[in-house]
Amino acid sequence: FLRLIRNMLKAGYLEDLEYRETLGGCPQGGVVSPILSNIYLH
């Protein structure tokens, strides 16, 4: 489970059809992003 979350956080994103690494943060619009943010803020 922890590996799944780690991979989700590091998945990266496409911008103008170019792949970019994700170095920090939660993917905006991701289904688990609000809960992960709340865990962090807690």
All heavy atoms as atom14 arrays in JSON, in Angstrom:
{
  "sequence": "FLRLIRNMLKAGYLEDLEYRETLGGCPQGGVVSPILSNIYLH",
  "atom14_mask": [
    [1, 1, 1, 1, 1, 1, 1, 1, 1, 1, 1, 0, 0, 0],
    [1, 1, 1, 1, 1, 1, 1, 1, 0, 0, 0, 0, 0, 0],
    [1, 1, 1, 1, 1, 1, 1, 1, 1, 1, 1, 0, 0, 0],
    [1, 1, 1, 1, 1, 1, 1, 1, 0, 0, 0, 0, 0, 0],
    [1, 1, 1, 1, 1, 1, 1, 1, 0, 0, 0, 0, 0, 0],
    [1, 1, 1, 1, 1, 1, 1, 1, 1, 1, 1, 0, 0, 0],
    [1, 1, 1, 1, 1, 1, 1, 1, 0, 0, 0, 0, 0, 0],
    [1, 1, 1, 1, 1, 1, 1, 1, 0, 0, 0, 0, 0, 0],
    [1, 1, 1, 1, 1, 1, 1, 1, 0, 0, 0, 0, 0, 0],
    [1, 1, 1, 1, 1, 1, 1, 1, 1, 0, 0, 0, 0, 0],
    [1, 1, 1, 1, 1, 0, 0, 0, 0, 0, 0, 0, 0, 0],
    [1, 1, 1, 1, 0, 0, 0, 0, 0, 0, 0, 0, 0, 0],
    [1, 1, 1, 1, 1, 1, 1, 1, 1, 1, 1, 1, 0, 0],
    [1, 1, 1, 1, 1, 1, 1, 1, 0, 0, 0, 0, 0, 0],
    [1, 1, 1, 1, 1, 1, 1, 1, 1, 0, 0, 0, 0, 0],
    [1, 1, 1, 1, 1, 1, 1, 1, 0, 0, 0, 0, 0, 0],
    [1, 1, 1, 1, 1, 1, 1, 1, 0, 0, 0, 0, 0, 0],
    [1, 1, 1, 1, 1, 1, 1, 1, 1, 0, 0, 0, 0, 0],
    [1, 1, 1, 1, 1, 1, 1, 1, 1, 1, 1, 1, 0, 0],
    [1, 1, 1, 1, 1, 1, 1, 1, 1, 1, 1, 0, 0, 0],
    [1, 1, 1, 1, 1, 1, 1, 1, 1, 0, 0, 0, 0, 0],
    [1, 1, 1, 1, 1, 1, 1, 0, 0, 0, 0, 0, 0, 0],
    [1, 1, 1, 1, 1, 1, 1, 1, 0, 0, 0, 0, 0, 0],
    [1, 1, 1, 1, 0, 0, 0, 0, 0, 0, 0, 0, 0, 0],
    [1, 1, 1, 1, 0, 0, 0, 0, 0, 0, 0, 0, 0, 0],
    [1, 1, 1, 1, 1, 1, 0, 0, 0, 0, 0, 0, 0, 0],
    [1, 1, 1, 1, 1, 1, 1, 0, 0, 0, 0, 0, 0, 0],
    [1, 1, 1, 1, 1, 1, 1, 1, 1, 0, 0, 0, 0, 0],
    [1, 1, 1, 1, 0, 0, 0, 0, 0, 0, 0, 0, 0, 0],
    [1, 1, 1, 1, 0, 0, 0, 0, 0, 0, 0, 0, 0, 0],
    [1, 1, 1, 1, 1, 1, 1, 0, 0, 0, 0, 0, 0, 0],
    [1, 1, 1, 1, 1, 1, 1, 0, 0, 0, 0, 0, 0, 0],
    [1, 1, 1, 1, 1, 1, 0, 0, 0, 0, 0, 0, 0, 0],
    [1, 1, 1, 1, 1, 1, 1, 0, 0, 0, 0, 0, 0, 0],
    [1, 1, 1, 1, 1, 1, 1, 1, 0, 0, 0, 0, 0, 0],
    [1, 1, 1, 1, 1, 1, 1, 1, 0, 0, 0, 0, 0, 0],
    [1, 1, 1, 1, 1, 1, 0, 0, 0, 0, 0, 0, 0, 0],
    [1, 1, 1, 1, 1, 1, 1, 1, 0, 0, 0, 0, 0, 0],
    [1, 1, 1, 1, 1, 1, 1, 1, 0, 0, 0, 0, 0, 0],
    [1, 1, 1, 1, 1, 1, 1, 1, 1, 1, 1, 1, 0, 0],
    [1, 1, 1, 1, 1, 1, 1, 1, 0, 0, 0, 0, 0, 0],
    [1, 1, 1, 1, 1, 1, 1, 1, 1, 1, 0, 0, 0, 0]
  ],
  "atom14_positions": [
    [[0.83, -1.2, 0.0], [0.0, 0.0, 0.0], [0.87, 1.25, 0.0], [0.62, 2.2, -0.75], [-0.93, 0.0, 1.21], [-1.82, 1.21, 1.27], [-2.95, 1.29, 0.47], [-1.51, 2.27, 2.1], [-3.77, 2.41, 0.5], [-2.32, 3.4, 2.14], [-3.45, 3.47, 1.34], [0.0, 0.0, 0.0], [0.0, 0.0, 0.0], [0.0, 0.0, 0.0]],
    [[1.89, 1.28, 0.84], [2.78, 2.44, 0.9], [3.5, 2.65, -0.44], [3.68, 3.78, -0.88], [3.79, 2.29, 2.04], [3.19, 2.31, 3.45], [4.25, 1.97, 4.49], [2.53, 3.64, 3.75], [0.0, 0.0, 0.0], [0.0, 0.0, 0.0], [0.0, 0.0, 0.0], [0.0, 0.0, 0.0], [0.0, 0.0, 0.0], [0.0, 0.0, 0.0]],
    [[3.89, 1.56, -1.08], [4.53, 1.65, -2.4], [3.56, 2.2, -3.44], [3.92, 3.02, -4.28], [5.07, 0.28, -2.83], [5.91, 0.32, -4.09], [6.62, -1.0, -4.39], [5.8, -2.18, -4.25], [5.93, -3.09, -3.28], [6.84, -2.94, -2.34], [5.13, -4.15, -3.22], [0.0, 0.0, 0.0], [0.0, 0.0, 0.0], [0.0, 0.0, 0.0]],
    [[2.28, 1.79, -3.35], [1.26, 2.3, -4.26], [1.1, 3.81, -4.1], [1.08, 4.56, -5.09], [-0.08, 1.6, -3.99], [-1.28, 2.1, -4.78], [-1.12, 1.76, -6.25], [-2.56, 1.5, -4.22], [0.0, 0.0, 0.0], [0.0, 0.0, 0.0], [0.0, 0.0, 0.0], [0.0, 0.0, 0.0], [0.0, 0.0, 0.0], [0.0, 0.0, 0.0]],
    [[1.05, 4.29, -2.86], [0.94, 5.73, -2.61], [2.2, 6.44, -3.11], [2.11, 7.49, -3.76], [0.72, 6.01, -1.1], [-0.6, 5.41, -0.61], [0.78, 7.51, -0.82], [-1.84, 6.02, -1.22], [0.0, 0.0, 0.0], [0.0, 0.0, 0.0], [0.0, 0.0, 0.0], [0.0, 0.0, 0.0], [0.0, 0.0, 0.0], [0.0, 0.0, 0.0]],
    [[3.38, 5.88, -2.83], [4.64, 6.49, -3.29], [4.64, 6.61, -4.81], [4.98, 7.67, -5.35], [5.83, 5.65, -2.83], [7.18, 6.24, -3.24], [8.37, 5.39, -2.81], [8.34, 5.02, -1.4], [8.1, 3.78, -0.96], [7.86, 2.79, -1.78], [8.1, 3.54, 0.34], [0.0, 0.0, 0.0], [0.0, 0.0, 0.0], [0.0, 0.0, 0.0]],
    [[4.24, 5.55, -5.5], [4.21, 5.59, -6.96], [3.18, 6.59, -7.48], [3.43, 7.27, -8.49], [3.94, 4.2, -7.53], [5.12, 3.27, -7.35], [6.25, 3.71, -7.17], [4.86, 1.98, -7.35], [0.0, 0.0, 0.0], [0.0, 0.0, 0.0], [0.0, 0.0, 0.0], [0.0, 0.0, 0.0], [0.0, 0.0, 0.0], [0.0, 0.0, 0.0]],
    [[2.06, 6.7, -6.81], [1.05, 7.67, -7.21], [1.59, 9.09, -7.07], [1.4, 9.93, -7.94], [-0.21, 7.51, -6.38], [-1.32, 8.44, -6.79], [-2.44, 8.85, -5.46], [-1.4, 9.78, -4.36], [0.0, 0.0, 0.0], [0.0, 0.0, 0.0], [0.0, 0.0, 0.0], [0.0, 0.0, 0.0], [0.0, 0.0, 0.0], [0.0, 0.0, 0.0]],
    [[2.3, 9.34, -5.97], [2.86, 10.68, -5.75], [3.95, 11.02, -6.77], [4.11, 12.17, -7.15], [3.43, 10.78, -4.33], [2.42, 10.74, -3.19], [3.15, 10.63, -1.85], [1.52, 11.96, -3.22], [0.0, 0.0, 0.0], [0.0, 0.0, 0.0], [0.0, 0.0, 0.0], [0.0, 0.0, 0.0], [0.0, 0.0, 0.0], [0.0, 0.0, 0.0]],
    [[4.7, 10.02, -7.22], [5.81, 10.24, -8.14], [5.42, 10.07, -9.61], [6.28, 10.13, -10.49], [6.95, 9.26, -7.83], [7.49, 9.36, -6.43], [8.57, 10.37, -6.35], [9.19, 10.34, -4.96], [9.8, 11.56, -4.59], [0.0, 0.0, 0.0], [0.0, 0.0, 0.0], [0.0, 0.0, 0.0], [0.0, 0.0, 0.0], [0.0, 0.0, 0.0]],
    [[4.13, 9.85, -9.88], [3.7, 9.5, -11.24], [4.02, 10.57, -12.28], [4.18, 10.27, -13.45], [2.2, 9.19, -11.25], [0.0, 0.0, 0.0], [0.0, 0.0, 0.0], [0.0, 0.0, 0.0], [0.0, 0.0, 0.0], [0.0, 0.0, 0.0], [0.0, 0.0, 0.0], [0.0, 0.0, 0.0], [0.0, 0.0, 0.0], [0.0, 0.0, 0.0]],
    [[4.08, 11.81, -11.88], [4.35, 12.87, -12.84], [3.07, 13.32, -13.53], [1.97, 12.89, -13.2], [0.0, 0.0, 0.0], [0.0, 0.0, 0.0], [0.0, 0.0, 0.0], [0.0, 0.0, 0.0], [0.0, 0.0, 0.0], [0.0, 0.0, 0.0], [0.0, 0.0, 0.0], [0.0, 0.0, 0.0], [0.0, 0.0, 0.0], [0.0, 0.0, 0.0]],
    [[3.24, 14.21, -14.51], [2.08, 14.75, -15.22], [2.49, 15.2, -16.61], [3.67, 15.36, -16.91], [1.46, 15.92, -14.43], [2.4, 17.08, -14.22], [2.35, 18.19, -15.07], [3.33, 17.09, -13.18], [3.21, 19.26, -14.89], [4.18, 18.15, -13.0], [4.12, 19.24, -13.86], [4.98, 20.29, -13.68], [0.0, 0.0, 0.0], [0.0, 0.0, 0.0]],
    [[1.49, 15.38, -17.45], [1.72, 15.87, -18.81], [1.34, 17.34, -18.86], [0.28, 17.74, -18.38], [0.87, 15.11, -19.82], [1.31, 13.69, -20.16], [0.31, 13.06, -21.11], [2.69, 13.69, -20.77], [0.0, 0.0, 0.0], [0.0, 0.0, 0.0], [0.0, 0.0, 0.0], [0.0, 0.0, 0.0], [0.0, 0.0, 0.0], [0.0, 0.0, 0.0]],
    [[2.21, 18.13, -19.47], [1.92, 19.54, -19.71], [2.36, 19.85, -21.14], [3.53, 19.65, -21.49], [2.67, 20.43, -18.72], [2.31, 21.89, -18.85], [2.96, 22.73, -17.78], [2.97, 22.32, -16.6], [3.48, 23.79, -18.13], [0.0, 0.0, 0.0], [0.0, 0.0, 0.0], [0.0, 0.0, 0.0], [0.0, 0.0, 0.0], [0.0, 0.0, 0.0]],
    [[1.42, 20.3, -21.94], [1.69, 20.55, -23.37], [2.3, 19.32, -24.03], [3.28, 19.4, -24.76], [2.61, 21.77, -23.54], [1.99, 23.04, -23.04], [0.76, 23.18, -23.15], [2.74, 23.9, -22.52], [0.0, 0.0, 0.0], [0.0, 0.0, 0.0], [0.0, 0.0, 0.0], [0.0, 0.0, 0.0], [0.0, 0.0, 0.0], [0.0, 0.0, 0.0]],
    [[1.71, 18.15, -23.71], [2.13, 16.85, -24.25], [3.57, 16.49, -23.9], [4.2, 15.69, -24.56], [1.92, 16.8, -25.77], [0.46, 16.95, -26.22], [0.39, 16.95, -27.73], [-0.41, 15.87, -25.63], [0.0, 0.0, 0.0], [0.0, 0.0, 0.0], [0.0, 0.0, 0.0], [0.0, 0.0, 0.0], [0.0, 0.0, 0.0], [0.0, 0.0, 0.0]],
    [[4.09, 17.09, -22.84], [5.44, 16.78, -22.38], [5.37, 16.27, -20.95], [4.73, 16.87, -20.1], [6.3, 18.05, -22.44], [7.76, 17.78, -22.12], [8.59, 19.05, -22.3], [8.35, 19.83, -23.23], [9.49, 19.24, -21.45], [0.0, 0.0, 0.0], [0.0, 0.0, 0.0], [0.0, 0.0, 0.0], [0.0, 0.0, 0.0], [0.0, 0.0, 0.0]],
    [[6.03, 15.12, -20.69], [6.03, 14.53, -19.36], [6.92, 15.35, -18.42], [8.01, 15.75, -18.78], [6.55, 13.08, -19.41], [6.72, 12.48, -18.04], [5.64, 12.01, -17.32], [7.98, 12.4, -17.45], [5.79, 11.48, -16.06], [8.14, 11.86, -16.18], [7.04, 11.4, -15.5], [7.2, 10.88, -14.24], [0.0, 0.0, 0.0], [0.0, 0.0, 0.0]],
    [[6.42, 15.59, -17.22], [7.19, 16.3, -16.19], [7.13, 15.49, -14.9], [6.1, 14.98, -14.53], [6.64, 17.69, -15.97], [6.72, 18.54, -17.22], [6.18, 19.93, -16.97], [6.04, 20.62, -18.22], [6.91, 21.5, -18.69], [7.98, 21.78, -18.01], [6.71, 22.1, -19.84], [0.0, 0.0, 0.0], [0.0, 0.0, 0.0], [0.0, 0.0, 0.0]],
    [[8.29, 15.41, -14.22], [8.35, 14.69, -12.95], [7.62, 15.44, -11.86], [7.56, 16.67, -11.89], [9.81, 14.52, -12.52], [10.51, 13.37, -13.15], [11.88, 13.13, -12.51], [12.14, 13.66, -11.41], [12.67, 12.43, -13.13], [0.0, 0.0, 0.0], [0.0, 0.0, 0.0], [0.0, 0.0, 0.0], [0.0, 0.0, 0.0], [0.0, 0.0, 0.0]],
    [[7.11, 14.7, -10.9], [6.51, 15.3, -9.72], [7.51, 15.17, -8.59], [7.84, 14.06, -8.17], [5.2, 14.57, -9.34], [4.36, 14.55, -10.46], [4.51, 15.26, -8.2], [0.0, 0.0, 0.0], [0.0, 0.0, 0.0], [0.0, 0.0, 0.0], [0.0, 0.0, 0.0], [0.0, 0.0, 0.0], [0.0, 0.0, 0.0], [0.0, 0.0, 0.0]],
    [[8.01, 16.3, -8.1], [9.01, 16.27, -7.04], [8.4, 16.48, -5.66], [8.99, 16.13, -4.65], [10.07, 17.34, -7.3], [10.76, 17.23, -8.66], [11.68, 18.41, -8.88], [11.51, 15.92, -8.77], [0.0, 0.0, 0.0], [0.0, 0.0, 0.0], [0.0, 0.0, 0.0], [0.0, 0.0, 0.0], [0.0, 0.0, 0.0], [0.0, 0.0, 0.0]],
    [[7.21, 17.03, -5.61], [6.54, 17.27, -4.34], [5.07, 17.5, -4.58], [4.63, 17.7, -5.71], [0.0, 0.0, 0.0], [0.0, 0.0, 0.0], [0.0, 0.0, 0.0], [0.0, 0.0, 0.0], [0.0, 0.0, 0.0], [0.0, 0.0, 0.0], [0.0, 0.0, 0.0], [0.0, 0.0, 0.0], [0.0, 0.0, 0.0], [0.0, 0.0, 0.0]],
    [[4.31, 17.47, -3.53], [2.88, 17.73, -3.63], [2.07, 16.5, -3.98], [2.59, 15.43, -4.25], [0.0, 0.0, 0.0], [0.0, 0.0, 0.0], [0.0, 0.0, 0.0], [0.0, 0.0, 0.0], [0.0, 0.0, 0.0], [0.0, 0.0, 0.0], [0.0, 0.0, 0.0], [0.0, 0.0, 0.0], [0.0, 0.0, 0.0], [0.0, 0.0, 0.0]],
    [[0.76, 16.68, -3.92], [-0.2, 15.64, -4.3], [-0.81, 16.04, -5.63], [-1.02, 17.21, -5.88], [-1.34, 15.56, -3.28], [-0.96, 14.67, -1.8], [0.0, 0.0, 0.0], [0.0, 0.0, 0.0], [0.0, 0.0, 0.0], [0.0, 0.0, 0.0], [0.0, 0.0, 0.0], [0.0, 0.0, 0.0], [0.0, 0.0, 0.0], [0.0, 0.0, 0.0]],
    [[-1.13, 15.05, -6.45], [-1.75, 15.4, -7.73], [-3.1, 16.08, -7.52], [-3.97, 15.54, -6.85], [-1.93, 14.06, -8.43], [-1.36, 13.02, -7.55], [-0.96, 13.63, -6.27], [0.0, 0.0, 0.0], [0.0, 0.0, 0.0], [0.0, 0.0, 0.0], [0.0, 0.0, 0.0], [0.0, 0.0, 0.0], [0.0, 0.0, 0.0], [0.0, 0.0, 0.0]],
    [[-3.24, 17.29, -8.05], [-4.52, 17.98, -7.91], [-5.55, 17.26, -8.77], [-5.28, 16.9, -9.91], [-4.38, 19.44, -8.32], [-3.54, 20.19, -7.33], [-3.64, 21.68, -7.51], [-4.49, 22.17, -8.2], [-2.74, 22.4, -6.85], [0.0, 0.0, 0.0], [0.0, 0.0, 0.0], [0.0, 0.0, 0.0], [0.0, 0.0, 0.0], [0.0, 0.0, 0.0]],
    [[-6.69, 17.03, -8.21], [-7.73, 16.29, -8.91], [-7.65, 14.79, -8.64], [-8.52, 14.04, -9.03], [0.0, 0.0, 0.0], [0.0, 0.0, 0.0], [0.0, 0.0, 0.0], [0.0, 0.0, 0.0], [0.0, 0.0, 0.0], [0.0, 0.0, 0.0], [0.0, 0.0, 0.0], [0.0, 0.0, 0.0], [0.0, 0.0, 0.0], [0.0, 0.0, 0.0]],
    [[-6.59, 14.34, -7.98], [-6.47, 12.94, -7.62], [-7.48, 12.59, -6.55], [-7.76, 13.4, -5.66], [0.0, 0.0, 0.0], [0.0, 0.0, 0.0], [0.0, 0.0, 0.0], [0.0, 0.0, 0.0], [0.0, 0.0, 0.0], [0.0, 0.0, 0.0], [0.0, 0.0, 0.0], [0.0, 0.0, 0.0], [0.0, 0.0, 0.0], [0.0, 0.0, 0.0]],
    [[-8.01, 11.37, -6.6], [-9.07, 11.0, -5.67], [-8.58, 10.9, -4.22], [-9.35, 11.09, -3.3], [-9.77, 9.68, -6.09], [-10.53, 9.87, -7.38], [-8.78, 8.55, -6.2], [0.0, 0.0, 0.0], [0.0, 0.0, 0.0], [0.0, 0.0, 0.0], [0.0, 0.0, 0.0], [0.0, 0.0, 0.0], [0.0, 0.0, 0.0], [0.0, 0.0, 0.0]],
    [[-7.3, 10.61, -4.01], [-6.8, 10.5, -2.64], [-6.11, 11.77, -2.16], [-5.73, 11.86, -0.99], [-5.85, 9.29, -2.46], [-6.58, 7.99, -2.72], [-4.63, 9.41, -3.31], [0.0, 0.0, 0.0], [0.0, 0.0, 0.0], [0.0, 0.0, 0.0], [0.0, 0.0, 0.0], [0.0, 0.0, 0.0], [0.0, 0.0, 0.0], [0.0, 0.0, 0.0]],
    [[-5.93, 12.75, -3.02], [-5.22, 13.97, -2.63], [-5.84, 14.67, -1.44], [-5.12, 15.08, -0.53], [-5.11, 14.92, -3.82], [-4.31, 14.33, -4.82], [0.0, 0.0, 0.0], [0.0, 0.0, 0.0], [0.0, 0.0, 0.0], [0.0, 0.0, 0.0], [0.0, 0.0, 0.0], [0.0, 0.0, 0.0], [0.0, 0.0, 0.0], [0.0, 0.0, 0.0]],
    [[-7.17, 14.84, -1.37], [-7.74, 15.51, -0.19], [-7.46, 14.76, 1.11], [-7.13, 15.39, 2.12], [-9.24, 15.56, -0.49], [-9.35, 15.48, -1.97], [-8.21, 14.6, -2.39], [0.0, 0.0, 0.0], [0.0, 0.0, 0.0], [0.0, 0.0, 0.0], [0.0, 0.0, 0.0], [0.0, 0.0, 0.0], [0.0, 0.0, 0.0], [0.0, 0.0, 0.0]],
    [[-7.57, 13.45, 1.11], [-7.33, 12.71, 2.35], [-5.85, 12.74, 2.73], [-5.51, 12.89, 3.9], [-7.87, 11.25, 2.28], [-7.83, 10.58, 3.67], [-7.09, 10.41, 1.33], [-8.87, 11.05, 4.6], [0.0, 0.0, 0.0], [0.0, 0.0, 0.0], [0.0, 0.0, 0.0], [0.0, 0.0, 0.0], [0.0, 0.0, 0.0], [0.0, 0.0, 0.0]],
    [[-4.96, 12.64, 1.74], [-3.53, 12.72, 2.04], [-3.17, 14.1, 2.59], [-2.39, 14.22, 3.53], [-2.69, 12.4, 0.8], [-2.77, 10.96, 0.3], [-1.97, 10.79, -0.99], [-2.3, 9.98, 1.36], [0.0, 0.0, 0.0], [0.0, 0.0, 0.0], [0.0, 0.0, 0.0], [0.0, 0.0, 0.0], [0.0, 0.0, 0.0], [0.0, 0.0, 0.0]],
    [[-3.76, 15.13, 2.03], [-3.52, 16.49, 2.53], [-4.02, 16.63, 3.95], [-3.36, 17.25, 4.8], [-4.21, 17.52, 1.64], [-3.68, 17.48, 0.35], [0.0, 0.0, 0.0], [0.0, 0.0, 0.0], [0.0, 0.0, 0.0], [0.0, 0.0, 0.0], [0.0, 0.0, 0.0], [0.0, 0.0, 0.0], [0.0, 0.0, 0.0], [0.0, 0.0, 0.0]],
    [[-5.18, 16.08, 4.24], [-5.73, 16.16, 5.6], [-4.88, 15.39, 6.6], [-4.71, 15.83, 7.74], [-7.18, 15.67, 5.63], [-8.14, 16.73, 5.16], [-7.95, 17.9, 5.45], [-9.16, 16.33, 4.44], [0.0, 0.0, 0.0], [0.0, 0.0, 0.0], [0.0, 0.0, 0.0], [0.0, 0.0, 0.0], [0.0, 0.0, 0.0], [0.0, 0.0, 0.0]],
    [[-4.33, 14.26, 6.2], [-3.44, 13.49, 7.07], [-2.2, 14.33, 7.4], [-1.76, 14.42, 8.54], [-3.07, 12.14, 6.43], [-4.29, 11.23, 6.4], [-1.89, 11.49, 7.14], [-4.12, 9.98, 5.55], [0.0, 0.0, 0.0], [0.0, 0.0, 0.0], [0.0, 0.0, 0.0], [0.0, 0.0, 0.0], [0.0, 0.0, 0.0], [0.0, 0.0, 0.0]],
    [[-1.64, 14.95, 6.38], [-0.45, 15.8, 6.53], [-0.76, 16.99, 7.45], [-0.01, 17.28, 8.39], [-0.04, 16.29, 5.14], [1.36, 16.81, 4.99], [2.38, 15.98, 4.56], [1.66, 18.15, 5.21], [3.66, 16.46, 4.36], [2.94, 18.64, 5.03], [3.94, 17.79, 4.6], [5.21, 18.26, 4.41], [0.0, 0.0, 0.0], [0.0, 0.0, 0.0]],
    [[-1.87, 17.67, 7.18], [-2.25, 18.83, 7.98], [-2.58, 18.45, 9.43], [-2.3, 19.22, 10.36], [-3.43, 19.57, 7.34], [-3.11, 20.27, 6.03], [-4.38, 20.79, 5.39], [-2.1, 21.38, 6.22], [0.0, 0.0, 0.0], [0.0, 0.0, 0.0], [0.0, 0.0, 0.0], [0.0, 0.0, 0.0], [0.0, 0.0, 0.0], [0.0, 0.0, 0.0]],
    [[-3.15, 17.26, 9.62], [-3.44, 16.79, 10.97], [-2.14, 16.66, 11.77], [-2.08, 17.03, 12.95], [-4.18, 15.46, 10.92], [-4.44, 14.88, 12.27], [-5.36, 15.41, 13.14], [-3.87, 13.83, 12.91], [-5.36, 14.7, 14.26], [-4.46, 13.75, 14.15], [0.0, 0.0, 0.0], [0.0, 0.0, 0.0], [0.0, 0.0, 0.0], [0.0, 0.0, 0.0]]
  ]
}
